[in-house]
Every structure is written in C-alpha cells, then in structure tokens.
Amino acid sequence: MSSFKFELNSDGVRELLHDAGVVGVCQQHASAVLSRCGEGYEISARNYPDRAGYAVRAATSEAVRDNLKNNTLLKGMGG
C-alpha cells in the first residue's frame, strides 16, 4: 500500500467554494430541484463565511403541506 499523504490548503478551498463556477453549479442544481417541485417553492442564495450556496424551500402554506405529506423537496433532490 502507498503511504501518500496530502494536506488541503484551507484558504484555497474556501476560495474555491466562493468561485463563480462552483456557485453557478450550485445554482443549476437548485434550479433543477425547483423545477421538479412545482408551484409554491422558491430558491434563495446563501452566503456563508466559508462557502456560498442556494436553498430551495416551500414558500406557501400549500407547498409546506405538500412537502410534509409527500416529501416533495427530498424527491426533488432525487432522494
């Protein structure tokens, strides 16, 4: 077996997770989930200190009930 070891550069990883290309991929995945969920759901951008991302959530009371009954967000993610 190999004894190869490596260490990640924390600042470099943080910069990569804020990169426009990575953020764009996150937005594409969130948009795909949103399109599978239907009416009453929305996307919001999230900016955390160490990364950027997107969230999909139920925005209306009907969507909240739908998600509770059918696990719509989980199914929209492919789970």
N, C-alpha and C. Protein backbone atom coordinates (compact mmCIF):
# COMPACT_ATOMS: atom_id res chain seq x y z
N MET A 1 0.82 -1.20 0.00
CA MET A 1 0.00 0.00 0.00
C MET A 1 0.86 1.25 0.00
N SER A 2 0.31 2.30 -0.55
CA SER A 2 1.01 3.57 -0.62
C SER A 2 0.81 4.34 0.68
N SER A 3 1.80 5.09 1.05
CA SER A 3 1.70 5.92 2.25
C SER A 3 1.63 7.41 1.87
N PHE A 4 1.03 7.68 0.72
CA PHE A 4 0.90 9.04 0.22
C PHE A 4 -0.03 9.84 1.12
N LYS A 5 0.39 11.03 1.52
CA LYS A 5 -0.44 11.91 2.33
C LYS A 5 -0.45 13.29 1.70
N PHE A 6 -1.55 13.98 1.87
CA PHE A 6 -1.62 15.35 1.38
C PHE A 6 -2.40 16.18 2.38
N GLU A 7 -2.22 17.48 2.31
CA GLU A 7 -2.89 18.40 3.21
C GLU A 7 -3.57 19.48 2.37
N LEU A 8 -4.84 19.72 2.64
CA LEU A 8 -5.57 20.75 1.92
C LEU A 8 -5.22 22.13 2.48
N ASN A 9 -5.13 23.08 1.59
CA ASN A 9 -4.90 24.46 1.97
C ASN A 9 -6.28 25.09 2.25
N SER A 10 -6.57 25.39 3.50
CA SER A 10 -7.90 25.88 3.90
C SER A 10 -8.31 27.14 3.15
N ASP A 11 -7.38 28.08 3.01
CA ASP A 11 -7.70 29.32 2.30
C ASP A 11 -8.02 29.04 0.83
N GLY A 12 -7.28 28.13 0.23
CA GLY A 12 -7.52 27.79 -1.17
C GLY A 12 -8.86 27.10 -1.37
N VAL A 13 -9.22 26.20 -0.45
CA VAL A 13 -10.51 25.51 -0.54
C VAL A 13 -11.64 26.52 -0.35
N ARG A 14 -11.50 27.42 0.60
CA ARG A 14 -12.52 28.45 0.84
C ARG A 14 -12.70 29.32 -0.40
N GLU A 15 -11.59 29.69 -1.04
CA GLU A 15 -11.65 30.50 -2.25
C GLU A 15 -12.35 29.73 -3.38
N LEU A 16 -12.06 28.45 -3.48
CA LEU A 16 -12.70 27.61 -4.49
C LEU A 16 -14.21 27.52 -4.26
N LEU A 17 -14.63 27.41 -3.01
CA LEU A 17 -16.06 27.29 -2.70
C LEU A 17 -16.82 28.61 -2.90
N HIS A 18 -16.10 29.72 -3.07
CA HIS A 18 -16.71 31.00 -3.39
C HIS A 18 -16.56 31.34 -4.87
N ASP A 19 -15.89 30.49 -5.64
CA ASP A 19 -15.65 30.72 -7.06
C ASP A 19 -16.96 30.79 -7.83
N ALA A 20 -17.03 31.65 -8.82
CA ALA A 20 -18.25 31.83 -9.61
C ALA A 20 -18.67 30.55 -10.31
N GLY A 21 -17.73 29.75 -10.76
CA GLY A 21 -18.07 28.49 -11.42
C GLY A 21 -18.75 27.51 -10.48
N VAL A 22 -18.24 27.39 -9.26
CA VAL A 22 -18.83 26.49 -8.28
C VAL A 22 -20.20 27.00 -7.86
N VAL A 23 -20.32 28.30 -7.65
CA VAL A 23 -21.60 28.90 -7.28
C VAL A 23 -22.61 28.68 -8.41
N GLY A 24 -22.18 28.78 -9.66
CA GLY A 24 -23.06 28.54 -10.80
C GLY A 24 -23.58 27.11 -10.83
N VAL A 25 -22.72 26.15 -10.52
CA VAL A 25 -23.15 24.74 -10.47
C VAL A 25 -24.18 24.55 -9.36
N CYS A 26 -23.95 25.17 -8.22
CA CYS A 26 -24.92 25.09 -7.11
C CYS A 26 -26.27 25.66 -7.54
N GLN A 27 -26.24 26.79 -8.25
CA GLN A 27 -27.47 27.41 -8.71
C GLN A 27 -28.19 26.51 -9.71
N GLN A 28 -27.45 25.85 -10.59
CA GLN A 28 -28.06 24.94 -11.55
C GLN A 28 -28.75 23.78 -10.85
N HIS A 29 -28.10 23.21 -9.83
CA HIS A 29 -28.71 22.10 -9.09
C HIS A 29 -29.97 22.57 -8.35
N ALA A 30 -29.90 23.75 -7.74
CA ALA A 30 -31.07 24.28 -7.03
C ALA A 30 -32.21 24.54 -8.01
N SER A 31 -31.91 25.06 -9.19
CA SER A 31 -32.94 25.31 -10.20
C SER A 31 -33.58 24.01 -10.68
N ALA A 32 -32.77 22.96 -10.80
CA ALA A 32 -33.31 21.66 -11.21
C ALA A 32 -34.24 21.10 -10.15
N VAL A 33 -33.88 21.24 -8.88
CA VAL A 33 -34.75 20.79 -7.79
C VAL A 33 -36.04 21.59 -7.80
N LEU A 34 -35.93 22.90 -7.97
CA LEU A 34 -37.11 23.76 -8.01
C LEU A 34 -38.05 23.37 -9.13
N SER A 35 -37.51 23.05 -10.29
CA SER A 35 -38.36 22.69 -11.43
C SER A 35 -39.09 21.37 -11.19
N ARG A 36 -38.52 20.49 -10.39
CA ARG A 36 -39.17 19.21 -10.09
C ARG A 36 -40.19 19.34 -8.97
N CYS A 37 -40.11 20.41 -8.18
CA CYS A 37 -41.03 20.57 -7.03
C CYS A 37 -42.37 21.17 -7.42
N GLY A 38 -42.39 22.08 -8.36
CA GLY A 38 -43.65 22.67 -8.79
C GLY A 38 -43.94 24.01 -8.13
N GLU A 39 -45.21 24.34 -8.12
CA GLU A 39 -45.67 25.65 -7.61
C GLU A 39 -45.48 25.76 -6.10
N GLY A 40 -45.19 26.98 -5.65
CA GLY A 40 -45.13 27.27 -4.23
C GLY A 40 -43.75 27.13 -3.60
N TYR A 41 -42.75 26.80 -4.38
CA TYR A 41 -41.39 26.65 -3.87
C TYR A 41 -40.53 27.77 -4.44
N GLU A 42 -39.45 28.12 -3.72
CA GLU A 42 -38.58 29.20 -4.17
C GLU A 42 -37.12 28.90 -3.84
N ILE A 43 -36.23 29.59 -4.57
CA ILE A 43 -34.79 29.47 -4.35
C ILE A 43 -34.31 30.74 -3.66
N SER A 44 -33.37 30.57 -2.72
CA SER A 44 -32.72 31.74 -2.13
C SER A 44 -31.22 31.49 -2.09
N ALA A 45 -30.45 32.53 -2.37
CA ALA A 45 -28.99 32.45 -2.32
C ALA A 45 -28.54 32.52 -0.87
N ARG A 46 -27.55 31.72 -0.54
CA ARG A 46 -26.99 31.72 0.82
C ARG A 46 -25.52 32.03 0.73
N ASN A 47 -25.05 32.96 1.54
CA ASN A 47 -23.63 33.31 1.59
C ASN A 47 -23.12 33.06 3.00
N TYR A 48 -22.45 31.95 3.16
CA TYR A 48 -21.85 31.58 4.44
C TYR A 48 -20.41 32.08 4.45
N PRO A 49 -19.79 32.19 5.62
CA PRO A 49 -18.40 32.68 5.67
C PRO A 49 -17.42 31.80 4.89
N ASP A 50 -17.65 30.50 4.87
CA ASP A 50 -16.68 29.61 4.24
C ASP A 50 -17.15 29.02 2.92
N ARG A 51 -18.37 29.35 2.47
CA ARG A 51 -18.85 28.85 1.18
C ARG A 51 -20.09 29.61 0.76
N ALA A 52 -20.46 29.46 -0.49
CA ALA A 52 -21.70 30.05 -1.00
C ALA A 52 -22.61 28.90 -1.39
N GLY A 53 -23.90 29.14 -1.46
CA GLY A 53 -24.81 28.08 -1.84
C GLY A 53 -26.20 28.60 -2.10
N TYR A 54 -27.11 27.68 -2.35
CA TYR A 54 -28.51 28.01 -2.61
C TYR A 54 -29.39 27.07 -1.81
N ALA A 55 -30.57 27.55 -1.47
CA ALA A 55 -31.54 26.74 -0.75
C ALA A 55 -32.86 26.78 -1.50
N VAL A 56 -33.55 25.66 -1.51
CA VAL A 56 -34.89 25.58 -2.07
C VAL A 56 -35.82 25.33 -0.90
N ARG A 57 -36.89 26.11 -0.80
CA ARG A 57 -37.81 25.97 0.33
C ARG A 57 -39.24 26.13 -0.12
N ALA A 58 -40.13 25.62 0.70
CA ALA A 58 -41.56 25.80 0.47
C ALA A 58 -41.92 27.21 0.89
N ALA A 59 -42.48 27.99 -0.03
CA ALA A 59 -42.75 29.40 0.24
C ALA A 59 -44.21 29.67 0.60
N THR A 60 -45.10 28.78 0.25
CA THR A 60 -46.52 28.98 0.56
C THR A 60 -47.00 27.90 1.53
N SER A 61 -48.11 28.17 2.19
CA SER A 61 -48.64 27.18 3.13
C SER A 61 -49.05 25.89 2.41
N GLU A 62 -49.53 26.03 1.17
CA GLU A 62 -49.90 24.83 0.41
C GLU A 62 -48.67 23.99 0.10
N ALA A 63 -47.55 24.65 -0.24
CA ALA A 63 -46.31 23.94 -0.52
C ALA A 63 -45.75 23.28 0.74
N VAL A 64 -45.89 23.95 1.88
CA VAL A 64 -45.44 23.36 3.15
C VAL A 64 -46.22 22.09 3.43
N ARG A 65 -47.54 22.14 3.27
CA ARG A 65 -48.36 20.94 3.48
C ARG A 65 -47.99 19.84 2.49
N ASP A 66 -47.79 20.23 1.22
CA ASP A 66 -47.40 19.27 0.20
C ASP A 66 -46.07 18.61 0.55
N ASN A 67 -45.11 19.39 1.01
CA ASN A 67 -43.82 18.84 1.37
C ASN A 67 -43.93 17.91 2.57
N LEU A 68 -44.72 18.28 3.57
CA LEU A 68 -44.89 17.42 4.74
C LEU A 68 -45.56 16.10 4.38
N LYS A 69 -46.52 16.16 3.49
CA LYS A 69 -47.27 14.96 3.10
C LYS A 69 -46.50 14.07 2.13
N ASN A 70 -45.81 14.69 1.17
CA ASN A 70 -45.21 13.93 0.07
C ASN A 70 -43.68 13.96 0.02
N ASN A 71 -43.02 14.65 0.95
CA ASN A 71 -41.56 14.79 0.92
C ASN A 71 -41.11 15.34 -0.44
N THR A 72 -41.77 16.36 -0.91
CA THR A 72 -41.52 16.90 -2.24
C THR A 72 -40.09 17.38 -2.43
N LEU A 73 -39.54 18.08 -1.45
CA LEU A 73 -38.17 18.58 -1.59
C LEU A 73 -37.17 17.43 -1.65
N LEU A 74 -37.36 16.43 -0.84
CA LEU A 74 -36.46 15.26 -0.88
C LEU A 74 -36.56 14.55 -2.22
N LYS A 75 -37.77 14.37 -2.70
CA LYS A 75 -37.96 13.73 -4.00
C LYS A 75 -37.41 14.60 -5.13
N GLY A 76 -37.52 15.91 -4.99
CA GLY A 76 -36.98 16.82 -5.98
C GLY A 76 -35.47 16.74 -6.08
N MET A 77 -34.83 16.36 -4.98
CA MET A 77 -33.38 16.19 -4.99
C MET A 77 -32.98 14.83 -5.55
N GLY A 78 -33.95 13.98 -5.77
CA GLY A 78 -33.67 12.65 -6.30
C GLY A 78 -33.53 11.62 -5.22
N GLY A 79 -33.94 11.95 -4.00
CA GLY A 79 -33.81 11.02 -2.87
C GLY A 79 -35.05 10.26 -2.56
